[in-house]
Amino acid sequence: MYPSLRVVFVAVWLGSLGAQEVDTRVPQLRRPVIKFFPLAAVDPFQYTLHLGLETPINRESSVQVEGGWVYGHLGEDLGTNTGDNDFTQSGFKVRVALRNYFSSNRASDRPLYTLTGGYISLVAGYQHYNQNFGYIDTTGMYNPSPIVVGVPYERRIQAFMGGFMLGYQQQMGSRLTFDIYTGFGIRYSTHDWRPLAPPYQYRLAAVGDFVLRRGSRPIPFMGFSLGWILR
């Protein structure tokens, strides 16, 4: 190579290096997040201790597994003619969501230790409840023969659901996250009475007839969670 051409080549190469912008932004890291859902704890129909674990699987996606223990409801006697016996309820719920983040692979000007930004999520879940109505007094009925008198009435509710969510997750500081979401889905519920179903007028106000009605129903999703980044 001629000396003059060599000088020109070196000058062009050095100029191109100087023209390149140096990216000083911090690349996004990916760590699991354990989450708590405050609204579930104050749901008047289903007081629930609801926790979740989000685990990133690549730069844009994660799997979130949730579980909740239902330990009660608002109020005591819900008008189910149970006499001195209070209505009681217990159960659990599980939910699995596959998330895809819109902007999770973008660099940031500060350290991010998990997936953040807007996301769309496919979700599926299962719920199971045991309800105890105590002793229902049906002696005043005109024809009480179909009713078992003096036996506590119980009901088991099961529900399957699926749908999608849109949400946004933000890191707060270096360890906390705030995740808000909304969405739409379909739920199918079944009711199993024991020893048998009492007349309808004795169970109008039962928990589950309002929230978890039998059959298929459209349902909304809405809530938020607070998370702690595991690292």
C-alpha atoms as a PDB file:
ATOM      1  CA  MET A   1       0.000   0.000   0.000  1.00  0.00           C
ATOM      2  CA  TYR A   2       1.303   3.444  -0.911  1.00  0.00           C
ATOM      3  CA  PRO A   3       2.251   5.603   2.108  1.00  0.00           C
ATOM      4  CA  SER A   4      -0.238   8.300   1.139  1.00  0.00           C
ATOM      5  CA  LEU A   5      -3.111   5.798   0.933  1.00  0.00           C
ATOM      6  CA  ARG A   6      -2.064   4.289   4.260  1.00  0.00           C
ATOM      7  CA  VAL A   7      -2.210   7.695   5.930  1.00  0.00           C
ATOM      8  CA  VAL A   8      -5.653   8.344   4.466  1.00  0.00           C
ATOM      9  CA  PHE A   9      -6.930   4.922   5.641  1.00  0.00           C
ATOM     10  CA  VAL A  10      -5.679   5.432   9.197  1.00  0.00           C
ATOM     11  CA  ALA A  11      -7.165   8.930   9.305  1.00  0.00           C
ATOM     12  CA  VAL A  12     -10.579   7.679   8.143  1.00  0.00           C
ATOM     13  CA  TRP A  13     -10.527   4.794  10.659  1.00  0.00           C
ATOM     14  CA  LEU A  14      -9.647   7.102  13.566  1.00  0.00           C
ATOM     15  CA  GLY A  15     -12.349   9.526  12.489  1.00  0.00           C
ATOM     16  CA  SER A  16     -14.975   6.808  12.444  1.00  0.00           C
ATOM     17  CA  LEU A  17     -14.028   5.776  16.000  1.00  0.00           C
ATOM     18  CA  GLY A  18     -14.381   9.322  17.193  1.00  0.00           C
ATOM     19  CA  ALA A  19     -17.765   9.684  15.527  1.00  0.00           C
ATOM     20  CA  GLN A  20     -19.188   6.614  17.265  1.00  0.00           C
ATOM     21  CA  GLU A  21     -21.263   7.349  20.327  1.00  0.00           C
ATOM     22  CA  VAL A  22     -20.134   5.479  23.419  1.00  0.00           C
ATOM     23  CA  ASP A  23     -23.150   3.787  25.056  1.00  0.00           C
ATOM     24  CA  THR A  24     -22.733   4.190  28.803  1.00  0.00           C
ATOM     25  CA  ARG A  25     -26.188   2.910  29.675  1.00  0.00           C
ATOM     26  CA  VAL A  26     -26.501  -0.041  32.042  1.00  0.00           C
ATOM     27  CA  PRO A  27     -27.742  -3.290  30.454  1.00  0.00           C
ATOM     28  CA  GLN A  28     -30.845  -4.818  32.042  1.00  0.00           C
ATOM     29  CA  LEU A  29     -30.341  -7.871  34.239  1.00  0.00           C
ATOM     30  CA  ARG A  30     -32.960 -10.532  34.927  1.00  0.00           C
ATOM     31  CA  ARG A  31     -33.719 -11.869  38.404  1.00  0.00           C
ATOM     32  CA  PRO A  32     -36.782 -13.606  39.947  1.00  0.00           C
ATOM     33  CA  VAL A  33     -39.260 -11.483  41.899  1.00  0.00           C
ATOM     34  CA  ILE A  34     -41.458 -12.640  44.789  1.00  0.00           C
ATOM     35  CA  LYS A  35     -44.736 -10.698  44.929  1.00  0.00           C
ATOM     36  CA  PHE A  36     -47.570  -9.835  47.309  1.00  0.00           C
ATOM     37  CA  PHE A  37     -51.071  -8.826  46.122  1.00  0.00           C
ATOM     38  CA  PRO A  38     -52.576  -6.366  48.657  1.00  0.00           C
ATOM     39  CA  LEU A  39     -56.077  -6.114  47.132  1.00  0.00           C
ATOM     40  CA  ALA A  40     -56.677  -9.850  47.569  1.00  0.00           C
ATOM     41  CA  ALA A  41     -56.168  -9.507  51.332  1.00  0.00           C
ATOM     42  CA  VAL A  42     -59.085  -7.042  51.596  1.00  0.00           C
ATOM     43  CA  ASP A  43     -61.465  -8.669  49.080  1.00  0.00           C
ATOM     44  CA  PRO A  44     -64.735  -8.728  51.098  1.00  0.00           C
ATOM     45  CA  PHE A  45     -65.909 -11.985  49.480  1.00  0.00           C
ATOM     46  CA  GLN A  46     -62.616 -13.861  49.605  1.00  0.00           C
ATOM     47  CA  TYR A  47     -59.993 -12.699  52.104  1.00  0.00           C
ATOM     48  CA  THR A  48     -56.901 -14.186  50.472  1.00  0.00           C
ATOM     49  CA  LEU A  49     -53.201 -14.340  51.231  1.00  0.00           C
ATOM     50  CA  HIS A  50     -52.033 -14.133  47.604  1.00  0.00           C
ATOM     51  CA  LEU A  51     -48.346 -14.498  46.653  1.00  0.00           C
ATOM     52  CA  GLY A  52     -46.514 -14.965  43.371  1.00  0.00           C
ATOM     53  CA  LEU A  53     -43.088 -15.660  41.896  1.00  0.00           C
ATOM     54  CA  GLU A  54     -42.059 -14.234  38.528  1.00  0.00           C
ATOM     55  CA  THR A  55     -39.108 -15.992  36.881  1.00  0.00           C
ATOM     56  CA  PRO A  56     -37.543 -14.525  33.700  1.00  0.00           C
ATOM     57  CA  ILE A  57     -36.849 -17.117  30.995  1.00  0.00           C
ATOM     58  CA  ASN A  58     -35.132 -14.831  28.436  1.00  0.00           C
ATOM     59  CA  ARG A  59     -34.599 -11.138  27.681  1.00  0.00           C
ATOM     60  CA  GLU A  60     -38.283 -10.486  26.963  1.00  0.00           C
ATOM     61  CA  SER A  61     -40.373 -13.211  28.623  1.00  0.00           C
ATOM     62  CA  SER A  62     -41.145 -14.643  32.044  1.00  0.00           C
ATOM     63  CA  VAL A  63     -43.363 -17.171  33.806  1.00  0.00           C
ATOM     64  CA  GLN A  64     -45.305 -16.025  36.869  1.00  0.00           C
ATOM     65  CA  VAL A  65     -46.747 -18.657  39.244  1.00  0.00           C
ATOM     66  CA  GLU A  66     -49.233 -17.482  41.877  1.00  0.00           C
ATOM     67  CA  GLY A  67     -50.991 -19.111  44.792  1.00  0.00           C
ATOM     68  CA  GLY A  68     -53.493 -17.888  47.363  1.00  0.00           C
ATOM     69  CA  TRP A  69     -55.100 -19.205  50.545  1.00  0.00           C
ATOM     70  CA  VAL A  70     -58.679 -18.052  51.186  1.00  0.00           C
ATOM     71  CA  TYR A  71     -59.282 -17.667  54.909  1.00  0.00           C
ATOM     72  CA  GLY A  72     -62.625 -15.871  55.313  1.00  0.00           C
ATOM     73  CA  HIS A  73     -65.039 -13.149  54.257  1.00  0.00           C
ATOM     74  CA  LEU A  74     -66.554  -9.878  55.397  1.00  0.00           C
ATOM     75  CA  GLY A  75     -69.348 -10.238  57.948  1.00  0.00           C
ATOM     76  CA  GLU A  76     -70.702 -13.120  59.939  1.00  0.00           C
ATOM     77  CA  ASP A  77     -74.313 -14.128  59.221  1.00  0.00           C
ATOM     78  CA  LEU A  78     -74.946 -13.574  55.495  1.00  0.00           C
ATOM     79  CA  GLY A  79     -78.669 -14.215  55.648  1.00  0.00           C
ATOM     80  CA  THR A  80     -78.529 -17.932  54.946  1.00  0.00           C
ATOM     81  CA  ASN A  81     -80.854 -18.921  57.831  1.00  0.00           C
ATOM     82  CA  THR A  82     -78.077 -20.720  59.639  1.00  0.00           C
ATOM     83  CA  GLY A  83     -79.305 -19.749  63.091  1.00  0.00           C
ATOM     84  CA  ASP A  84     -76.499 -19.456  65.593  1.00  0.00           C
ATOM     85  CA  ASN A  85     -73.982 -20.964  63.199  1.00  0.00           C
ATOM     86  CA  ASP A  86     -71.815 -18.597  61.232  1.00  0.00           C
ATOM     87  CA  PHE A  87     -71.089 -19.111  57.579  1.00  0.00           C
ATOM     88  CA  THR A  88     -67.448 -20.174  57.106  1.00  0.00           C
ATOM     89  CA  GLN A  89     -65.300 -20.425  54.008  1.00  0.00           C
ATOM     90  CA  SER A  90     -61.835 -21.667  53.150  1.00  0.00           C
ATOM     91  CA  GLY A  91     -60.043 -22.579  49.969  1.00  0.00           C
ATOM     92  CA  PHE A  92     -57.188 -21.865  47.616  1.00  0.00           C
ATOM     93  CA  LYS A  93     -56.451 -20.516  44.160  1.00  0.00           C
ATOM     94  CA  VAL A  94     -53.560 -20.987  41.725  1.00  0.00           C
ATOM     95  CA  ARG A  95     -52.689 -19.031  38.599  1.00  0.00           C
ATOM     96  CA  VAL A  96     -49.976 -19.307  35.951  1.00  0.00           C
ATOM     97  CA  ALA A  97     -49.131 -16.501  33.529  1.00  0.00           C
ATOM     98  CA  LEU A  98     -46.773 -16.350  30.547  1.00  0.00           C
ATOM     99  CA  ARG A  99     -45.593 -12.763  30.050  1.00  0.00           C
ATOM    100  CA  ASN A 100     -43.995 -11.043  27.081  1.00  0.00           C
ATOM    101  CA  TYR A 101     -42.480  -7.591  27.729  1.00  0.00           C
ATOM    102  CA  PHE A 102     -42.518  -4.867  25.077  1.00  0.00           C
ATOM    103  CA  SER A 103     -39.300  -3.117  26.123  1.00  0.00           C
ATOM    104  CA  SER A 104     -37.504  -5.496  28.468  1.00  0.00           C
ATOM    105  CA  ASN A 105     -34.364  -5.709  26.278  1.00  0.00           C
ATOM    106  CA  ARG A 106     -33.731  -1.975  26.186  1.00  0.00           C
ATOM    107  CA  ALA A 107     -30.775  -0.618  28.095  1.00  0.00           C
ATOM    108  CA  SER A 108     -31.326   1.809  30.946  1.00  0.00           C
ATOM    109  CA  ASP A 109     -29.383   4.619  32.533  1.00  0.00           C
ATOM    110  CA  ARG A 110     -29.581   2.853  35.920  1.00  0.00           C
ATOM    111  CA  PRO A 111     -29.220  -0.772  37.060  1.00  0.00           C
ATOM    112  CA  LEU A 112     -32.366  -2.832  36.486  1.00  0.00           C
ATOM    113  CA  TYR A 113     -32.296  -6.259  38.074  1.00  0.00           C
ATOM    114  CA  THR A 114     -35.440  -7.792  36.564  1.00  0.00           C
ATOM    115  CA  LEU A 115     -37.799  -7.410  33.615  1.00  0.00           C
ATOM    116  CA  THR A 116     -39.568  -4.042  33.517  1.00  0.00           C
ATOM    117  CA  GLY A 117     -41.884  -2.131  31.203  1.00  0.00           C
ATOM    118  CA  GLY A 118     -45.180  -2.887  29.532  1.00  0.00           C
ATOM    119  CA  TYR A 119     -46.221  -6.484  28.922  1.00  0.00           C
ATOM    120  CA  ILE A 120     -48.988  -8.728  27.620  1.00  0.00           C
ATOM    121  CA  SER A 121     -49.773 -11.936  29.473  1.00  0.00           C
ATOM    122  CA  LEU A 122     -51.694 -15.144  28.841  1.00  0.00           C
ATOM    123  CA  VAL A 123     -53.096 -16.548  32.087  1.00  0.00           C
ATOM    124  CA  ALA A 124     -54.816 -19.730  33.298  1.00  0.00           C
ATOM    125  CA  GLY A 125     -56.017 -20.579  36.798  1.00  0.00           C
ATOM    126  CA  TYR A 126     -57.989 -22.814  39.149  1.00  0.00           C
ATOM    127  CA  GLN A 127     -59.979 -22.034  42.333  1.00  0.00           C
ATOM    128  CA  HIS A 128     -61.406 -24.350  44.999  1.00  0.00           C
ATOM    129  CA  TYR A 129     -63.600 -23.376  47.983  1.00  0.00           C
ATOM    130  CA  ASN A 130     -65.267 -25.247  50.831  1.00  0.00           C
ATOM    131  CA  GLN A 131     -68.249 -23.448  52.369  1.00  0.00           C
ATOM    132  CA  ASN A 132     -70.077 -24.470  55.554  1.00  0.00           C
ATOM    133  CA  PHE A 133     -73.587 -23.048  56.069  1.00  0.00           C
ATOM    134  CA  GLY A 134     -74.275 -24.719  59.392  1.00  0.00           C
ATOM    135  CA  TYR A 135     -77.763 -26.091  60.143  1.00  0.00           C
ATOM    136  CA  ILE A 136     -80.440 -24.622  57.893  1.00  0.00           C
ATOM    137  CA  ASP A 137     -83.912 -24.582  59.448  1.00  0.00           C
ATOM    138  CA  THR A 138     -86.388 -25.717  56.787  1.00  0.00           C
ATOM    139  CA  THR A 139     -89.205 -26.870  59.147  1.00  0.00           C
ATOM    140  CA  GLY A 140     -91.437 -23.946  58.118  1.00  0.00           C
ATOM    141  CA  MET A 141     -91.656 -25.081  54.515  1.00  0.00           C
ATOM    142  CA  TYR A 142     -94.938 -26.425  53.127  1.00  0.00           C
ATOM    143  CA  ASN A 143     -93.263 -29.526  51.734  1.00  0.00           C
ATOM    144  CA  PRO A 144     -89.966 -30.130  53.515  1.00  0.00           C
ATOM    145  CA  SER A 145     -89.651 -33.713  52.324  1.00  0.00           C
ATOM    146  CA  PRO A 146     -86.794 -33.006  49.811  1.00  0.00           C
ATOM    147  CA  ILE A 147     -84.811 -31.293  52.548  1.00  0.00           C
ATOM    148  CA  VAL A 148     -82.607 -33.023  55.087  1.00  0.00           C
ATOM    149  CA  VAL A 149     -83.423 -31.340  58.431  1.00  0.00           C
ATOM    150  CA  GLY A 150     -80.815 -31.193  61.195  1.00  0.00           C
ATOM    151  CA  VAL A 151     -77.811 -31.777  58.943  1.00  0.00           C
ATOM    152  CA  PRO A 152     -75.191 -29.091  58.264  1.00  0.00           C
ATOM    153  CA  TYR A 153     -75.146 -27.946  54.664  1.00  0.00           C
ATOM    154  CA  GLU A 154     -71.843 -27.682  52.861  1.00  0.00           C
ATOM    155  CA  ARG A 155     -70.864 -26.656  49.377  1.00  0.00           C
ATOM    156  CA  ARG A 156     -67.738 -27.149  47.287  1.00  0.00           C
ATOM    157  CA  ILE A 157     -67.033 -24.640  44.514  1.00  0.00           C
ATOM    158  CA  GLN A 158     -64.504 -25.235  41.762  1.00  0.00           C
ATOM    159  CA  ALA A 159     -63.640 -22.807  38.977  1.00  0.00           C
ATOM    160  CA  PHE A 160     -61.386 -22.875  35.925  1.00  0.00           C
ATOM    161  CA  MET A 161     -60.396 -19.690  34.143  1.00  0.00           C
ATOM    162  CA  GLY A 162     -58.298 -18.358  31.262  1.00  0.00           C
ATOM    163  CA  GLY A 163     -57.667 -14.984  29.671  1.00  0.00           C
ATOM    164  CA  PHE A 164     -55.135 -12.267  28.960  1.00  0.00           C
ATOM    165  CA  MET A 165     -53.747  -9.239  30.778  1.00  0.00           C
ATOM    166  CA  LEU A 166     -52.031  -5.987  29.910  1.00  0.00           C
ATOM    167  CA  GLY A 167     -49.751  -4.492  32.528  1.00  0.00           C
ATOM    168  CA  TYR A 168     -46.730  -2.455  33.421  1.00  0.00           C
ATOM    169  CA  GLN A 169     -43.944  -3.328  35.861  1.00  0.00           C
ATOM    170  CA  GLN A 170     -41.592  -0.741  37.338  1.00  0.00           C
ATOM    171  CA  GLN A 171     -38.515  -1.200  39.501  1.00  0.00           C
ATOM    172  CA  MET A 172     -38.387   1.053  42.567  1.00  0.00           C
ATOM    173  CA  GLY A 173     -34.916   1.495  44.006  1.00  0.00           C
ATOM    174  CA  SER A 174     -32.713  -1.561  43.684  1.00  0.00           C
ATOM    175  CA  ARG A 175     -34.923  -4.302  45.211  1.00  0.00           C
ATOM    176  CA  LEU A 176     -38.637  -3.350  44.971  1.00  0.00           C
ATOM    177  CA  THR A 177     -41.077  -3.618  42.066  1.00  0.00           C
ATOM    178  CA  PHE A 178     -44.569  -2.269  41.422  1.00  0.00           C
ATOM    179  CA  ASP A 179     -46.732  -4.204  38.953  1.00  0.00           C
ATOM    180  CA  ILE A 180     -50.180  -3.013  37.832  1.00  0.00           C
ATOM    181  CA  TYR A 181     -52.424  -4.919  35.421  1.00  0.00           C
ATOM    182  CA  THR A 182     -55.886  -5.228  33.889  1.00  0.00           C
ATOM    183  CA  GLY A 183     -57.467  -7.703  31.522  1.00  0.00           C
ATOM    184  CA  PHE A 184     -60.347  -9.950  30.530  1.00  0.00           C
ATOM    185  CA  GLY A 185     -61.082 -13.659  30.720  1.00  0.00           C
ATOM    186  CA  ILE A 186     -63.632 -16.486  30.924  1.00  0.00           C
ATOM    187  CA  ARG A 187     -64.366 -18.584  34.027  1.00  0.00           C
ATOM    188  CA  TYR A 188     -66.332 -21.805  34.385  1.00  0.00           C
ATOM    189  CA  SER A 189     -67.594 -22.718  37.894  1.00  0.00           C
ATOM    190  CA  THR A 190     -69.287 -25.774  39.401  1.00  0.00           C
ATOM    191  CA  HIS A 191     -71.221 -26.059  42.705  1.00  0.00           C
ATOM    192  CA  ASP A 192     -71.459 -29.332  44.626  1.00  0.00           C
ATOM    193  CA  TRP A 193     -73.862 -29.312  47.609  1.00  0.00           C
ATOM    194  CA  ARG A 194     -73.704 -31.812  50.464  1.00  0.00           C
ATOM    195  CA  PRO A 195     -75.859 -33.631  51.452  1.00  0.00           C
ATOM    196  CA  LEU A 196     -77.979 -31.913  48.733  1.00  0.00           C
ATOM    197  CA  ALA A 197     -78.839 -28.409  47.597  1.00  0.00           C
ATOM    198  CA  PRO A 198     -81.378 -26.585  49.814  1.00  0.00           C
ATOM    199  CA  PRO A 199     -84.131 -24.470  48.209  1.00  0.00           C
ATOM    200  CA  TYR A 200     -82.924 -21.388  46.428  1.00  0.00           C
ATOM    201  CA  GLN A 201     -84.441 -18.951  48.934  1.00  0.00           C
ATOM    202  CA  TYR A 202     -82.084 -20.339  51.595  1.00  0.00           C
ATOM    203  CA  ARG A 203     -78.921 -19.521  49.665  1.00  0.00           C
ATOM    204  CA  LEU A 204     -79.549 -16.203  47.907  1.00  0.00           C
ATOM    205  CA  ALA A 205     -76.813 -14.376  49.805  1.00  0.00           C
ATOM    206  CA  ALA A 206     -74.241 -17.149  49.819  1.00  0.00           C
ATOM    207  CA  VAL A 207     -70.706 -16.216  48.895  1.00  0.00           C
ATOM    208  CA  GLY A 208     -70.067 -17.697  45.479  1.00  0.00           C
ATOM    209  CA  ASP A 209     -73.535 -17.049  44.094  1.00  0.00           C
ATOM    210  CA  PHE A 210     -72.385 -13.489  43.437  1.00  0.00           C
ATOM    211  CA  VAL A 211     -68.668 -13.898  42.727  1.00  0.00           C
ATOM    212  CA  LEU A 212     -68.431 -17.484  41.490  1.00  0.00           C
ATOM    213  CA  ARG A 213     -71.758 -18.166  39.814  1.00  0.00           C
ATOM    214  CA  ARG A 214     -72.284 -21.557  38.224  1.00  0.00           C
ATOM    215  CA  GLY A 215     -71.474 -22.034  34.559  1.00  0.00           C
ATOM    216  CA  SER A 216     -69.422 -19.885  32.198  1.00  0.00           C
ATOM    217  CA  ARG A 217     -69.031 -16.162  32.851  1.00  0.00           C
ATOM    218  CA  PRO A 218     -66.838 -13.355  31.481  1.00  0.00           C
ATOM    219  CA  ILE A 219     -64.606 -11.915  34.202  1.00  0.00           C
ATOM    220  CA  PRO A 220     -62.390  -8.826  34.470  1.00  0.00           C
ATOM    221  CA  PHE A 221     -58.852  -8.770  35.833  1.00  0.00           C
ATOM    222  CA  MET A 222     -57.575  -5.762  37.737  1.00  0.00           C
ATOM    223  CA  GLY A 223     -55.025  -5.315  40.492  1.00  0.00           C
ATOM    224  CA  PHE A 224     -51.450  -4.659  41.458  1.00  0.00           C
ATOM    225  CA  SER A 225     -48.619  -6.314  43.321  1.00  0.00           C
ATOM    226  CA  LEU A 226     -45.546  -5.267  45.282  1.00  0.00           C
ATOM    227  CA  GLY A 227     -42.408  -7.306  44.653  1.00  0.00           C
ATOM    228  CA  TRP A 228     -38.987  -8.032  46.122  1.00  0.00           C
ATOM    229  CA  ILE A 229     -36.168  -8.859  43.684  1.00  0.00           C
ATOM    230  CA  LEU A 230     -34.234 -11.989  44.639  1.00  0.00           C
ATOM    231  CA  ARG A 231     -30.489 -11.577  44.066  1.00  0.00           C
END
